[in-house]
Amino acid sequence: MAGVWVFKNNGVMQLVDNHGFDYAEGKRGASKQKVLVHLPSGQVVSSYKSLDQILRNLGWERYYGGDPDLYQFHKHSSIDLISLPKDFNKFSSVYMYDIVVKNPNLFHVKDM
């Protein structure tokens, strides 16, 4: 039994499978595509090349000491490490929110 417990608007909790379920709306349907937006420029991150440039300008550096299957960044001023899949097509909202949390007020995840 795999799934996620979801609280409905009426306060009832329900276990649902997580395939094709829109948790915010509480209904099934095609999941919306997410994009990462750099707030100061309004730029939608559409490639690792653009993300690399933005992160470098924010003081992040490429980290080569980890998993060779990951594209990683670190900051000398913190213990944070951003790890992304090498294939940009696998760059999902989980990775986007990791960037948002580690760069407060600079990025936003938006529905397309």
N, C-alpha and C. Protein backbone atom coordinates (compact mmCIF):
# COMPACT_ATOMS: atom_id res chain seq x y z
N MET A 1 0.85 -1.16 0.00
CA MET A 1 0.00 0.00 0.00
C MET A 1 0.90 1.23 0.00
N ALA A 2 1.02 1.88 -1.17
CA ALA A 2 1.83 3.08 -1.28
C ALA A 2 0.93 4.27 -1.52
N GLY A 3 1.29 5.38 -0.96
CA GLY A 3 0.50 6.57 -1.18
C GLY A 3 0.85 7.65 -0.19
N VAL A 4 -0.01 8.63 -0.13
CA VAL A 4 0.21 9.80 0.72
C VAL A 4 -1.08 10.12 1.44
N TRP A 5 -0.98 10.46 2.72
CA TRP A 5 -2.16 10.89 3.47
C TRP A 5 -2.43 12.34 3.15
N VAL A 6 -3.65 12.65 2.77
CA VAL A 6 -4.03 14.00 2.38
C VAL A 6 -5.22 14.44 3.21
N PHE A 7 -5.14 15.66 3.74
CA PHE A 7 -6.27 16.25 4.45
C PHE A 7 -7.13 16.99 3.43
N LYS A 8 -8.39 16.64 3.38
CA LYS A 8 -9.32 17.33 2.48
C LYS A 8 -9.82 18.60 3.16
N ASN A 9 -10.52 19.44 2.40
CA ASN A 9 -11.03 20.71 2.93
C ASN A 9 -12.03 20.50 4.07
N ASN A 10 -12.69 19.36 4.09
CA ASN A 10 -13.68 19.10 5.14
C ASN A 10 -13.04 18.48 6.39
N GLY A 11 -11.72 18.39 6.42
CA GLY A 11 -11.01 17.89 7.59
C GLY A 11 -10.81 16.39 7.62
N VAL A 12 -11.32 15.68 6.64
CA VAL A 12 -11.17 14.23 6.57
C VAL A 12 -9.83 13.90 5.93
N MET A 13 -9.14 12.92 6.50
CA MET A 13 -7.86 12.49 5.99
C MET A 13 -8.08 11.25 5.13
N GLN A 14 -7.38 11.17 3.99
CA GLN A 14 -7.57 10.05 3.07
C GLN A 14 -6.22 9.62 2.53
N LEU A 15 -6.00 8.31 2.43
CA LEU A 15 -4.80 7.77 1.81
C LEU A 15 -5.04 7.66 0.32
N VAL A 16 -4.19 8.30 -0.47
CA VAL A 16 -4.33 8.25 -1.92
C VAL A 16 -3.00 7.83 -2.53
N ASP A 17 -3.07 7.15 -3.68
CA ASP A 17 -1.82 6.88 -4.38
C ASP A 17 -1.36 8.21 -4.94
N ASN A 18 -0.06 8.38 -5.10
CA ASN A 18 0.45 9.69 -5.46
C ASN A 18 0.63 9.86 -6.96
N HIS A 19 0.19 8.95 -7.78
CA HIS A 19 0.32 9.08 -9.22
C HIS A 19 -0.80 9.96 -9.79
N GLY A 20 -0.43 11.12 -10.31
CA GLY A 20 -1.40 11.99 -10.95
C GLY A 20 -2.34 12.70 -10.01
N PHE A 21 -1.95 12.89 -8.76
CA PHE A 21 -2.83 13.54 -7.79
C PHE A 21 -2.33 14.94 -7.51
N ASP A 22 -3.18 15.92 -7.64
CA ASP A 22 -2.85 17.30 -7.35
C ASP A 22 -3.23 17.57 -5.89
N TYR A 23 -2.24 17.59 -5.00
CA TYR A 23 -2.50 17.69 -3.57
C TYR A 23 -3.08 19.04 -3.18
N ALA A 24 -2.65 20.10 -3.86
CA ALA A 24 -3.16 21.42 -3.52
C ALA A 24 -4.65 21.53 -3.84
N GLU A 25 -5.06 20.93 -4.94
CA GLU A 25 -6.46 21.00 -5.35
C GLU A 25 -7.28 19.85 -4.79
N GLY A 26 -6.61 18.77 -4.37
CA GLY A 26 -7.32 17.62 -3.84
C GLY A 26 -8.06 16.84 -4.91
N LYS A 27 -7.50 16.80 -6.10
CA LYS A 27 -8.16 16.07 -7.18
C LYS A 27 -7.14 15.44 -8.10
N ARG A 28 -7.61 14.45 -8.85
CA ARG A 28 -6.75 13.79 -9.82
C ARG A 28 -6.66 14.62 -11.08
N GLY A 29 -5.57 14.45 -11.78
CA GLY A 29 -5.41 15.15 -13.04
C GLY A 29 -3.95 15.21 -13.40
N ALA A 30 -3.69 15.75 -14.52
CA ALA A 30 -2.30 15.87 -14.96
C ALA A 30 -1.58 16.86 -14.04
N SER A 31 -0.41 16.47 -13.58
CA SER A 31 0.33 17.35 -12.70
C SER A 31 0.90 18.51 -13.51
N LYS A 32 0.92 19.68 -12.90
CA LYS A 32 1.40 20.87 -13.58
C LYS A 32 2.92 20.86 -13.61
N GLN A 33 3.46 21.33 -14.71
CA GLN A 33 4.90 21.43 -14.82
C GLN A 33 5.36 22.63 -13.99
N LYS A 34 6.45 22.46 -13.28
CA LYS A 34 7.01 23.52 -12.45
C LYS A 34 8.24 24.11 -13.13
N VAL A 35 8.48 25.38 -12.85
CA VAL A 35 9.69 26.03 -13.33
C VAL A 35 10.32 26.79 -12.17
N LEU A 36 11.62 26.94 -12.23
CA LEU A 36 12.36 27.71 -11.24
C LEU A 36 12.60 29.11 -11.81
N VAL A 37 12.22 30.11 -11.02
CA VAL A 37 12.36 31.50 -11.48
C VAL A 37 13.35 32.21 -10.57
N HIS A 38 14.32 32.88 -11.18
CA HIS A 38 15.26 33.73 -10.45
C HIS A 38 14.57 35.08 -10.28
N LEU A 39 14.20 35.42 -9.04
CA LEU A 39 13.36 36.59 -8.78
C LEU A 39 13.99 37.93 -9.17
N PRO A 40 15.25 38.21 -8.85
CA PRO A 40 15.79 39.53 -9.21
C PRO A 40 15.75 39.83 -10.71
N SER A 41 15.96 38.80 -11.54
CA SER A 41 15.97 39.03 -12.99
C SER A 41 14.66 38.65 -13.66
N GLY A 42 13.83 37.86 -12.96
CA GLY A 42 12.60 37.35 -13.57
C GLY A 42 12.84 36.23 -14.56
N GLN A 43 14.07 35.76 -14.63
CA GLN A 43 14.48 34.73 -15.59
C GLN A 43 14.03 33.34 -15.15
N VAL A 44 13.42 32.60 -16.08
CA VAL A 44 13.08 31.20 -15.83
C VAL A 44 14.33 30.38 -16.13
N VAL A 45 14.72 29.53 -15.19
CA VAL A 45 15.89 28.69 -15.38
C VAL A 45 15.52 27.57 -16.35
N SER A 46 16.11 27.61 -17.54
CA SER A 46 15.76 26.66 -18.58
C SER A 46 16.90 25.71 -18.94
N SER A 47 18.04 25.88 -18.29
CA SER A 47 19.18 24.99 -18.54
C SER A 47 20.15 25.09 -17.37
N TYR A 48 21.05 24.12 -17.30
CA TYR A 48 22.07 24.19 -16.25
C TYR A 48 23.06 25.31 -16.55
N LYS A 49 23.21 25.67 -17.82
CA LYS A 49 24.11 26.78 -18.16
C LYS A 49 23.63 28.07 -17.51
N SER A 50 22.32 28.35 -17.62
CA SER A 50 21.79 29.57 -17.00
C SER A 50 21.81 29.48 -15.48
N LEU A 51 21.48 28.31 -14.93
CA LEU A 51 21.52 28.13 -13.48
C LEU A 51 22.93 28.26 -12.94
N ASP A 52 23.90 27.70 -13.65
CA ASP A 52 25.30 27.79 -13.26
C ASP A 52 25.73 29.25 -13.14
N GLN A 53 25.38 30.06 -14.12
CA GLN A 53 25.75 31.48 -14.11
C GLN A 53 25.11 32.21 -12.93
N ILE A 54 23.84 31.95 -12.68
CA ILE A 54 23.14 32.61 -11.57
C ILE A 54 23.76 32.20 -10.24
N LEU A 55 23.98 30.90 -10.04
CA LEU A 55 24.55 30.43 -8.77
C LEU A 55 25.96 30.94 -8.55
N ARG A 56 26.76 30.99 -9.60
CA ARG A 56 28.13 31.53 -9.46
C ARG A 56 28.09 33.00 -9.03
N ASN A 57 27.15 33.75 -9.60
CA ASN A 57 27.02 35.17 -9.21
C ASN A 57 26.57 35.32 -7.76
N LEU A 58 25.95 34.28 -7.20
CA LEU A 58 25.51 34.30 -5.81
C LEU A 58 26.56 33.72 -4.85
N GLY A 59 27.73 33.37 -5.38
CA GLY A 59 28.81 32.88 -4.54
C GLY A 59 28.93 31.36 -4.46
N TRP A 60 28.11 30.64 -5.23
CA TRP A 60 28.20 29.18 -5.26
C TRP A 60 29.31 28.77 -6.22
N GLU A 61 29.97 27.67 -5.90
CA GLU A 61 31.04 27.13 -6.76
C GLU A 61 30.73 25.69 -7.09
N ARG A 62 31.18 25.25 -8.24
CA ARG A 62 31.01 23.84 -8.60
C ARG A 62 31.81 22.99 -7.63
N TYR A 63 31.23 21.87 -7.24
CA TYR A 63 31.88 20.91 -6.34
C TYR A 63 32.09 19.63 -7.12
N TYR A 64 33.34 19.21 -7.21
CA TYR A 64 33.67 18.02 -8.01
C TYR A 64 34.05 16.82 -7.17
N GLY A 65 33.98 16.92 -5.85
CA GLY A 65 34.43 15.85 -4.97
C GLY A 65 33.38 14.80 -4.65
N GLY A 66 32.20 14.92 -5.20
CA GLY A 66 31.13 14.00 -4.86
C GLY A 66 30.83 12.99 -5.95
N ASP A 67 29.59 12.63 -6.04
CA ASP A 67 29.10 11.64 -7.00
C ASP A 67 29.26 12.18 -8.42
N PRO A 68 29.93 11.44 -9.31
CA PRO A 68 30.12 11.92 -10.68
C PRO A 68 28.82 11.99 -11.49
N ASP A 69 27.74 11.38 -11.00
CA ASP A 69 26.46 11.43 -11.70
C ASP A 69 25.63 12.65 -11.30
N LEU A 70 26.20 13.50 -10.43
CA LEU A 70 25.49 14.69 -9.96
C LEU A 70 26.23 15.96 -10.36
N TYR A 71 25.47 16.99 -10.55
CA TYR A 71 25.98 18.34 -10.81
C TYR A 71 25.84 19.05 -9.47
N GLN A 72 26.98 19.40 -8.80
CA GLN A 72 26.91 19.90 -7.44
C GLN A 72 27.55 21.27 -7.28
N PHE A 73 27.00 22.03 -6.31
CA PHE A 73 27.50 23.35 -5.98
C PHE A 73 27.65 23.46 -4.47
N HIS A 74 28.62 24.24 -4.01
CA HIS A 74 28.77 24.51 -2.58
C HIS A 74 29.21 25.96 -2.40
N LYS A 75 29.04 26.44 -1.16
CA LYS A 75 29.48 27.77 -0.77
C LYS A 75 30.49 27.62 0.34
N HIS A 76 31.56 28.38 0.28
CA HIS A 76 32.55 28.31 1.35
C HIS A 76 31.99 28.84 2.66
N SER A 77 31.03 29.74 2.58
CA SER A 77 30.49 30.37 3.79
C SER A 77 29.42 29.52 4.49
N SER A 78 29.11 28.33 3.96
CA SER A 78 28.09 27.49 4.60
C SER A 78 28.41 26.02 4.40
N ILE A 79 27.61 25.18 5.03
CA ILE A 79 27.77 23.74 4.87
C ILE A 79 26.84 23.19 3.78
N ASP A 80 26.07 24.09 3.15
CA ASP A 80 25.10 23.67 2.15
C ASP A 80 25.76 23.11 0.90
N LEU A 81 25.10 22.12 0.33
CA LEU A 81 25.51 21.52 -0.93
C LEU A 81 24.25 21.33 -1.77
N ILE A 82 24.28 21.84 -2.98
CA ILE A 82 23.18 21.64 -3.91
C ILE A 82 23.58 20.52 -4.84
N SER A 83 22.79 19.45 -4.87
CA SER A 83 23.06 18.30 -5.73
C SER A 83 21.92 18.15 -6.73
N LEU A 84 22.26 18.12 -7.99
CA LEU A 84 21.28 18.06 -9.07
C LEU A 84 21.61 16.90 -10.00
N PRO A 85 20.61 16.30 -10.63
CA PRO A 85 20.90 15.23 -11.59
C PRO A 85 21.62 15.82 -12.81
N LYS A 86 22.56 15.07 -13.39
CA LYS A 86 23.30 15.56 -14.57
C LYS A 86 22.37 15.89 -15.73
N ASP A 87 21.29 15.12 -15.86
CA ASP A 87 20.34 15.30 -16.95
C ASP A 87 19.31 16.37 -16.55
N PHE A 88 19.30 17.51 -17.25
CA PHE A 88 18.38 18.60 -16.90
C PHE A 88 16.92 18.17 -17.02
N ASN A 89 16.62 17.18 -17.85
CA ASN A 89 15.25 16.68 -17.98
C ASN A 89 14.74 16.05 -16.68
N LYS A 90 15.65 15.68 -15.79
CA LYS A 90 15.29 15.10 -14.49
C LYS A 90 15.29 16.14 -13.38
N PHE A 91 15.46 17.41 -13.75
CA PHE A 91 15.46 18.53 -12.80
C PHE A 91 14.02 18.81 -12.40
N SER A 92 13.58 18.19 -11.30
CA SER A 92 12.19 18.27 -10.86
C SER A 92 12.02 19.31 -9.75
N SER A 93 10.78 19.46 -9.31
CA SER A 93 10.48 20.45 -8.27
C SER A 93 11.21 20.17 -6.96
N VAL A 94 11.55 18.92 -6.69
CA VAL A 94 12.30 18.60 -5.46
C VAL A 94 13.64 19.34 -5.47
N TYR A 95 14.32 19.32 -6.60
CA TYR A 95 15.61 20.02 -6.72
C TYR A 95 15.41 21.53 -6.72
N MET A 96 14.33 21.98 -7.35
CA MET A 96 14.03 23.41 -7.39
C MET A 96 13.82 23.96 -5.98
N TYR A 97 13.03 23.24 -5.17
CA TYR A 97 12.78 23.71 -3.81
C TYR A 97 14.05 23.66 -2.95
N ASP A 98 14.95 22.75 -3.24
CA ASP A 98 16.23 22.72 -2.53
C ASP A 98 16.99 24.01 -2.80
N ILE A 99 16.97 24.47 -4.04
CA ILE A 99 17.64 25.72 -4.40
C ILE A 99 16.94 26.90 -3.73
N VAL A 100 15.62 26.89 -3.70
CA VAL A 100 14.85 27.97 -3.06
C VAL A 100 15.21 28.07 -1.57
N VAL A 101 15.24 26.94 -0.88
CA VAL A 101 15.53 26.94 0.56
C VAL A 101 16.94 27.44 0.85
N LYS A 102 17.89 27.08 -0.01
CA LYS A 102 19.29 27.45 0.23
C LYS A 102 19.63 28.85 -0.28
N ASN A 103 18.67 29.49 -0.96
CA ASN A 103 18.86 30.85 -1.46
C ASN A 103 17.58 31.66 -1.18
N PRO A 104 17.32 31.98 0.09
CA PRO A 104 16.07 32.64 0.45
C PRO A 104 15.85 33.95 -0.31
N ASN A 105 14.62 34.14 -0.74
CA ASN A 105 14.17 35.38 -1.41
C ASN A 105 14.82 35.63 -2.78
N LEU A 106 15.47 34.61 -3.35
CA LEU A 106 16.11 34.79 -4.64
C LEU A 106 15.51 33.92 -5.74
N PHE A 107 14.83 32.87 -5.35
CA PHE A 107 14.22 31.96 -6.32
C PHE A 107 12.79 31.65 -5.90
N HIS A 108 12.00 31.23 -6.89
CA HIS A 108 10.61 30.86 -6.66
C HIS A 108 10.26 29.71 -7.60
N VAL A 109 9.49 28.74 -7.12
CA VAL A 109 9.00 27.66 -7.97
C VAL A 109 7.59 28.02 -8.39
N LYS A 110 7.35 27.98 -9.68
CA LYS A 110 6.07 28.44 -10.23
C LYS A 110 5.48 27.37 -11.14
N ASP A 111 4.14 27.26 -11.14
CA ASP A 111 3.44 26.36 -12.07
C ASP A 111 3.46 26.98 -13.46
N MET A 112 3.63 26.15 -14.45
CA MET A 112 3.55 26.61 -15.85
C MET A 112 2.13 26.58 -16.32
